[in-house]
Amino acid sequence: MATKYRVAIVGCGGISQAHGNAWRNVSEIEIVGACDEKFESLSRFATEYEVENTYNDLRQMLEKQDPDILVVATWPSSHLKNVLEAVRCGVKGILVEKPIAVNTSQLEQMIQVTERANILLMEAFMYRHHPLTLAVKQKVEEGAIGDVRYARSTFSTGLTDRTNWRLRGDLGGGAVMDLGCYCINIIRYVMGREPQSVWATGKFEPINNVWETLIGTMDFGDGITGQFDCSFGWTWRENYEVTGTKGTIFVQSAWGNREDESSFTVNGETVSVNGVNPYAAELLNLCEAVENGTPLCLPISDALGNMRVIDALHESAHTGQRINVPD
């Protein structure tokens, strides 16, 4: 692979702006192509980030530009077909926006085809690459709060636009898919283990076939519990707390940490960290893994664990029953 990593993106909607803004100041990244079915979105992205090669067809872009890495930023319902196309065209790495798939079955298919083709696949949880998140995990592992017994997280927004994919079940939307996936991911991360069972309740919108609100509990065994809430239509909230036998960690700004200084508290004392752009960090992590075999910050097994919990929570919310999470 050349010094510059050849990167292409499919899906030029809102989240693509976060990626583009991050990449434009990274000398190792060359955006060689952009693809979207919507001309206006594609044109706007290409103009803003000076992308010469634009396409309405993913296969055509991949064949003509031969990127090292494909970033998938389309609706979740399109992720599987985008990944299969990338595998067909021989990319070396694929970064897929969260949620990586609409269910575990789709993700297992992605994993099977990418592993067979020796292609690295990573879910784009950008916050996991930020020094704040890594510092929280380090404090937990050092025993700063003793043995972890409980963690809670919350993420809600004021979104009420039913034309937005986030409120459309057919496109892979829903509160837990777009927001709760973060809450679940951080709880699993700080616990360092997978939940044994879950139960959930919430507000379901049958017209759009989507959960607008989901509140869930995860049982990790041995008296260790995680709880979260996520919702569209509530006021903006984002934070998490980890409680142990000797103290508590609290993170007020959970997911949106950027390049400036950010902080969290450990037993009431403030810990500050210097930030990075997490969207640049996650892409460089994948690029370096492809070139040098550097370990992925988020191995695909992490994405599989998160997706299994999401599926179990959805089943619990629909049935009203406690659901065991598959190993």
Protein backbone atom coordinates (compact mmCIF):
# COMPACT_ATOMS: atom_id res chain seq x y z
CA MET A 1 0.00 0.00 0.00
CA ALA A 2 1.22 3.51 -0.82
CA THR A 3 2.04 6.11 1.83
CA LYS A 4 -1.35 7.65 1.22
CA TYR A 5 -4.39 5.51 1.95
CA ARG A 6 -6.90 5.57 -0.88
CA VAL A 7 -10.31 6.04 0.70
CA ALA A 8 -13.76 6.11 -0.92
CA ILE A 9 -17.12 6.75 0.70
CA VAL A 10 -20.63 5.58 -0.15
CA GLY A 11 -23.42 7.63 1.39
CA CYS A 12 -23.04 11.42 1.41
CA GLY A 13 -25.72 12.36 3.92
CA GLY A 14 -25.28 14.09 7.26
CA ILE A 15 -22.72 11.79 8.88
CA SER A 16 -20.45 12.02 5.82
CA GLN A 17 -19.74 15.63 6.78
CA ALA A 18 -18.19 14.50 10.06
CA HIS A 19 -15.96 12.09 8.17
CA GLY A 20 -15.03 14.63 5.51
CA ASN A 21 -14.18 17.31 8.05
CA ALA A 22 -11.91 14.87 9.87
CA TRP A 23 -10.09 13.61 6.79
CA ARG A 24 -9.32 16.91 5.10
CA ASN A 25 -6.48 17.65 7.54
CA VAL A 26 -4.98 14.15 7.55
CA SER A 27 -2.13 13.95 5.06
CA GLU A 28 -2.20 10.14 4.94
CA ILE A 29 -5.75 10.04 3.60
CA GLU A 30 -6.67 10.64 -0.04
CA ILE A 31 -10.39 10.69 -0.84
CA VAL A 32 -10.47 9.07 -4.27
CA GLY A 33 -14.21 8.75 -4.74
CA ALA A 34 -17.67 9.49 -3.38
CA CYS A 35 -20.92 7.72 -4.20
CA ASP A 36 -24.56 8.49 -3.50
CA GLU A 37 -27.84 7.89 -5.28
CA LYS A 38 -28.93 11.44 -4.46
CA PHE A 39 -27.31 13.98 -6.78
CA GLU A 40 -27.65 16.92 -4.37
CA SER A 41 -25.97 15.12 -1.47
CA LEU A 42 -23.20 13.84 -3.71
CA SER A 43 -22.58 17.24 -5.28
CA ARG A 44 -22.49 18.97 -1.90
CA PHE A 45 -19.98 16.49 -0.48
CA ALA A 46 -17.77 16.59 -3.57
CA THR A 47 -17.70 20.37 -3.62
CA GLU A 48 -17.02 20.75 0.11
CA TYR A 49 -14.20 18.19 0.20
CA GLU A 50 -12.83 18.66 -3.33
CA VAL A 51 -13.57 15.12 -4.49
CA GLU A 52 -13.04 14.84 -8.25
CA ASN A 53 -14.49 11.38 -8.82
CA THR A 54 -18.21 11.07 -8.06
CA TYR A 55 -20.55 8.19 -8.79
CA ASN A 56 -24.16 7.11 -8.47
CA ASP A 57 -23.17 3.44 -8.68
CA LEU A 58 -20.99 1.81 -6.01
CA ARG A 59 -19.61 -0.98 -8.19
CA GLN A 60 -18.51 1.50 -10.81
CA MET A 61 -16.70 3.62 -8.23
CA LEU A 62 -14.93 0.65 -6.69
CA GLU A 63 -13.83 -0.76 -10.03
CA LYS A 64 -12.58 2.54 -11.40
CA GLN A 65 -10.96 4.00 -8.28
CA ASP A 66 -9.69 0.80 -6.60
CA PRO A 67 -9.69 2.23 -3.05
CA ASP A 68 -7.86 0.60 -0.18
CA ILE A 69 -10.68 1.45 2.24
CA LEU A 70 -14.41 1.88 1.71
CA VAL A 71 -16.37 3.89 4.26
CA VAL A 72 -20.04 2.91 4.33
CA ALA A 73 -22.23 5.79 5.52
CA THR A 74 -25.56 4.78 3.99
CA TRP A 75 -28.78 3.78 5.74
CA PRO A 76 -28.37 0.61 7.85
CA SER A 77 -30.71 -1.27 5.53
CA SER A 78 -28.11 -0.82 2.74
CA HIS A 79 -25.03 -1.84 4.70
CA LEU A 80 -25.06 -5.53 3.81
CA LYS A 81 -25.28 -4.98 0.05
CA ASN A 82 -22.59 -2.27 0.27
CA VAL A 83 -20.25 -4.62 2.13
CA LEU A 84 -20.89 -7.47 -0.33
CA GLU A 85 -20.10 -5.13 -3.23
CA ALA A 86 -16.88 -4.01 -1.55
CA VAL A 87 -15.83 -7.62 -1.03
CA ARG A 88 -16.60 -8.40 -4.68
CA CYS A 89 -14.37 -5.52 -5.79
CA GLY A 90 -11.46 -6.45 -3.53
CA VAL A 91 -11.04 -3.57 -1.09
CA LYS A 92 -8.67 -4.17 1.82
CA GLY A 93 -10.73 -2.68 4.63
CA ILE A 94 -14.33 -1.60 5.24
CA LEU A 95 -15.46 0.91 7.88
CA VAL A 96 -19.23 0.73 8.39
CA GLU A 97 -21.19 3.38 10.25
CA LYS A 98 -23.11 2.18 13.26
CA PRO A 99 -25.30 0.25 13.49
CA ILE A 100 -23.21 -2.01 11.30
CA ALA A 101 -26.24 -4.15 10.34
CA VAL A 102 -29.96 -4.36 10.99
CA ASN A 103 -29.64 -7.67 12.84
CA THR A 104 -27.17 -10.35 13.90
CA SER A 105 -27.89 -12.56 10.91
CA GLN A 106 -26.79 -9.85 8.48
CA LEU A 107 -23.66 -9.13 10.48
CA GLU A 108 -22.73 -12.81 10.58
CA GLN A 109 -22.99 -12.86 6.79
CA MET A 110 -20.72 -9.82 6.56
CA ILE A 111 -18.18 -11.44 8.85
CA GLN A 112 -18.22 -14.69 6.88
CA VAL A 113 -17.57 -13.08 3.50
CA THR A 114 -14.97 -10.57 4.71
CA GLU A 115 -12.98 -13.14 6.66
CA ARG A 116 -13.02 -15.50 3.70
CA ALA A 117 -11.64 -12.70 1.52
CA ASN A 118 -9.11 -11.56 4.18
CA ILE A 119 -10.73 -8.11 4.37
CA LEU A 120 -10.80 -6.16 7.63
CA LEU A 121 -14.27 -5.05 8.74
CA MET A 122 -14.84 -2.51 11.52
CA GLU A 123 -17.88 -0.78 12.98
CA ALA A 124 -17.59 3.00 13.19
CA PHE A 125 -18.00 3.75 16.88
CA MET A 126 -15.80 6.84 16.73
CA TYR A 127 -16.02 7.61 20.47
CA ARG A 128 -14.14 4.39 21.29
CA HIS A 129 -11.04 5.90 19.66
CA HIS A 130 -11.14 9.08 21.72
CA PRO A 131 -8.60 9.54 24.58
CA LEU A 132 -11.44 10.27 27.02
CA THR A 133 -13.04 6.86 26.49
CA LEU A 134 -9.67 5.13 26.65
CA ALA A 135 -8.83 7.00 29.87
CA VAL A 136 -12.13 5.92 31.45
CA LYS A 137 -11.39 2.30 30.59
CA GLN A 138 -7.89 2.64 32.03
CA LYS A 139 -9.25 4.00 35.31
CA VAL A 140 -11.64 1.05 35.52
CA GLU A 141 -8.86 -1.45 34.85
CA GLU A 142 -6.58 0.22 37.41
CA GLY A 143 -9.23 -0.31 40.06
CA ALA A 144 -9.90 3.38 40.66
CA ILE A 145 -13.51 2.58 41.60
CA GLY A 146 -12.96 -0.95 42.85
CA ASP A 147 -14.86 -3.82 41.28
CA VAL A 148 -17.48 -2.59 38.81
CA ARG A 149 -20.99 -3.50 39.88
CA TYR A 150 -23.25 -1.18 37.89
CA ALA A 151 -23.20 1.06 34.82
CA ARG A 152 -25.89 3.25 33.34
CA SER A 153 -25.98 5.30 30.15
CA THR A 154 -28.41 7.61 28.40
CA PHE A 155 -28.79 9.12 24.92
CA SER A 156 -31.80 11.06 23.70
CA THR A 157 -32.49 13.71 21.05
CA GLY A 158 -35.38 15.92 20.03
CA LEU A 159 -35.81 14.29 16.60
CA THR A 160 -39.46 14.05 15.53
CA ASP A 161 -39.15 14.10 11.71
CA ARG A 162 -40.74 10.82 10.59
CA THR A 163 -39.19 11.07 7.13
CA ASN A 164 -35.72 10.77 8.68
CA TRP A 165 -34.26 7.24 8.41
CA ARG A 166 -33.81 7.19 12.19
CA LEU A 167 -37.60 7.00 12.60
CA ARG A 168 -38.16 4.51 9.78
CA GLY A 169 -37.98 0.83 10.58
CA ASP A 170 -37.68 -0.13 6.90
CA LEU A 171 -34.36 1.73 6.70
CA GLY A 172 -32.93 0.26 9.88
CA GLY A 173 -33.94 3.10 12.18
CA GLY A 174 -35.10 3.15 15.78
CA ALA A 175 -33.90 4.60 19.06
CA VAL A 176 -31.72 1.66 20.02
CA MET A 177 -30.26 1.38 16.51
CA ASP A 178 -29.11 4.99 16.30
CA LEU A 179 -28.72 6.03 19.95
CA GLY A 180 -28.97 3.03 22.26
CA CYS A 181 -26.22 1.23 20.36
CA TYR A 182 -23.79 3.69 21.99
CA CYS A 183 -25.30 3.12 25.42
CA ILE A 184 -25.02 -0.66 25.07
CA ASN A 185 -21.51 -0.44 23.67
CA ILE A 186 -20.08 1.65 26.50
CA ILE A 187 -21.65 -0.54 29.18
CA ARG A 188 -20.22 -3.70 27.60
CA TYR A 189 -16.84 -1.95 27.24
CA VAL A 190 -16.49 -0.84 30.86
CA MET A 191 -17.81 -4.16 32.15
CA GLY A 192 -15.34 -6.09 30.02
CA ARG A 193 -17.86 -8.89 29.56
CA GLU A 194 -21.08 -9.75 27.77
CA PRO A 195 -24.55 -9.67 29.37
CA GLN A 196 -26.24 -12.99 30.00
CA SER A 197 -29.78 -11.72 29.57
CA VAL A 198 -31.77 -8.55 28.94
CA TRP A 199 -35.24 -7.15 29.29
CA ALA A 200 -36.67 -3.96 27.81
CA THR A 201 -39.72 -1.78 27.38
CA GLY A 202 -40.47 1.37 25.47
CA LYS A 203 -42.67 3.19 22.99
CA PHE A 204 -43.27 1.49 19.64
CA GLU A 205 -44.62 3.31 16.59
CA PRO A 206 -46.44 0.69 14.46
CA ILE A 207 -46.97 2.97 11.46
CA ASN A 208 -43.22 3.33 10.92
CA ASN A 209 -42.40 -0.02 12.55
CA VAL A 210 -39.86 1.58 14.84
CA TRP A 211 -39.09 1.91 18.55
CA GLU A 212 -39.10 5.61 19.37
CA THR A 213 -38.02 4.94 22.96
CA LEU A 214 -36.32 1.95 24.50
CA ILE A 215 -35.32 1.45 28.12
CA GLY A 216 -33.32 -1.66 28.87
CA THR A 217 -31.61 -3.65 31.62
CA MET A 218 -28.67 -5.98 31.06
CA ASP A 219 -27.83 -8.73 33.53
CA PHE A 220 -24.13 -9.60 33.47
CA GLY A 221 -24.38 -12.21 36.22
CA ASP A 222 -22.76 -12.12 39.66
CA GLY A 223 -24.99 -9.21 40.65
CA ILE A 224 -23.52 -6.95 37.93
CA THR A 225 -26.09 -4.86 36.07
CA GLY A 226 -26.25 -2.31 33.27
CA GLN A 227 -29.17 -0.03 32.44
CA PHE A 228 -29.79 2.49 29.68
CA ASP A 229 -32.45 4.65 28.10
CA CYS A 230 -32.59 6.07 24.59
CA SER A 231 -35.28 8.06 22.84
CA PHE A 232 -36.26 10.31 19.99
CA GLY A 233 -38.51 13.18 21.01
CA TRP A 234 -36.98 13.68 24.46
CA THR A 235 -34.65 16.56 25.30
CA TRP A 236 -30.96 16.12 24.44
CA ARG A 237 -29.15 13.98 27.00
CA GLU A 238 -25.88 12.08 26.75
CA ASN A 239 -23.90 10.73 29.68
CA TYR A 240 -22.84 7.58 31.45
CA GLU A 241 -21.82 6.49 34.93
CA VAL A 242 -19.82 3.50 36.15
CA THR A 243 -20.18 2.47 39.80
CA GLY A 244 -17.89 0.13 41.68
CA THR A 245 -17.26 -1.06 45.20
CA LYS A 246 -15.01 1.95 45.95
CA GLY A 247 -16.31 4.79 43.83
CA THR A 248 -17.90 6.17 40.68
CA ILE A 249 -16.83 7.48 37.27
CA PHE A 250 -19.15 9.99 35.60
CA VAL A 251 -18.88 11.20 32.01
CA GLN A 252 -21.09 14.17 31.19
CA SER A 253 -20.30 14.45 27.46
CA ALA A 254 -20.32 10.83 26.44
CA TRP A 255 -20.11 10.58 22.66
CA GLY A 256 -19.33 13.99 21.16
CA ASN A 257 -15.76 14.56 22.36
CA ARG A 258 -13.53 16.18 19.76
CA GLU A 259 -10.05 17.68 19.49
CA ASP A 260 -10.20 20.13 22.37
CA GLU A 261 -9.74 19.25 26.02
CA SER A 262 -12.43 17.10 27.60
CA SER A 263 -12.93 15.72 31.07
CA PHE A 264 -14.73 13.26 33.35
CA THR A 265 -14.86 12.75 37.09
CA VAL A 266 -13.51 9.91 39.20
CA ASN A 267 -14.83 9.87 42.76
CA GLY A 268 -15.69 13.54 42.38
CA GLU A 269 -12.26 14.61 41.09
CA THR A 270 -11.92 15.94 37.55
CA VAL A 271 -9.65 14.17 35.05
CA SER A 272 -8.82 16.11 31.88
CA VAL A 273 -7.52 14.69 28.61
CA ASN A 274 -6.35 16.19 25.33
CA GLY A 275 -8.62 15.20 22.50
CA VAL A 276 -8.27 14.02 18.91
CA ASN A 277 -10.71 13.95 16.05
CA PRO A 278 -12.28 10.52 16.62
CA TYR A 279 -13.43 10.15 13.01
CA ALA A 280 -9.84 10.55 11.81
CA ALA A 281 -8.57 8.24 14.54
CA GLU A 282 -10.94 5.40 13.66
CA LEU A 283 -10.12 5.53 9.96
CA LEU A 284 -6.37 5.67 10.58
CA ASN A 285 -6.69 2.71 12.94
CA LEU A 286 -8.27 0.66 10.17
CA CYS A 287 -5.76 1.85 7.55
CA GLU A 288 -2.81 0.98 9.77
CA ALA A 289 -4.32 -2.41 10.58
CA VAL A 290 -4.61 -3.14 6.86
CA GLU A 291 -1.03 -2.09 6.16
CA ASN A 292 0.86 -3.15 9.27
CA GLY A 293 -1.36 -5.61 11.08
CA THR A 294 -1.93 -3.13 13.93
CA PRO A 295 -4.72 -4.43 16.18
CA LEU A 296 -8.13 -2.91 15.57
CA CYS A 297 -9.41 -0.79 18.43
CA LEU A 298 -12.80 -2.37 17.75
CA PRO A 299 -12.44 -5.94 16.49
CA ILE A 300 -15.45 -7.25 14.62
CA SER A 301 -16.23 -9.53 17.58
CA ASP A 302 -17.15 -6.36 19.50
CA ALA A 303 -19.70 -5.41 16.85
CA LEU A 304 -21.14 -8.93 16.96
CA GLY A 305 -21.56 -8.74 20.72
CA ASN A 306 -23.35 -5.40 20.45
CA MET A 307 -25.67 -6.63 17.71
CA ARG A 308 -26.65 -9.72 19.68
CA VAL A 309 -27.66 -7.53 22.62
CA ILE A 310 -29.66 -5.20 20.36
CA ASP A 311 -31.56 -8.13 18.87
CA ALA A 312 -32.30 -9.52 22.33
CA LEU A 313 -33.52 -6.14 23.58
CA HIS A 314 -35.86 -5.76 20.61
CA GLU A 315 -37.24 -9.25 21.23
CA SER A 316 -37.75 -8.49 24.91
CA ALA A 317 -39.52 -5.20 24.20
CA HIS A 318 -41.87 -6.89 21.73
CA THR A 319 -42.64 -9.91 23.92
CA GLY A 320 -42.40 -8.45 27.40
CA GLN A 321 -40.13 -11.33 28.37
CA ARG A 322 -36.61 -11.60 29.72
CA ILE A 323 -34.38 -12.80 26.84
CA ASN A 324 -31.11 -14.68 27.07
CA VAL A 325 -28.27 -13.28 24.95
CA PRO A 326 -26.61 -15.92 22.71
CA ASP A 327 -22.92 -16.64 23.26
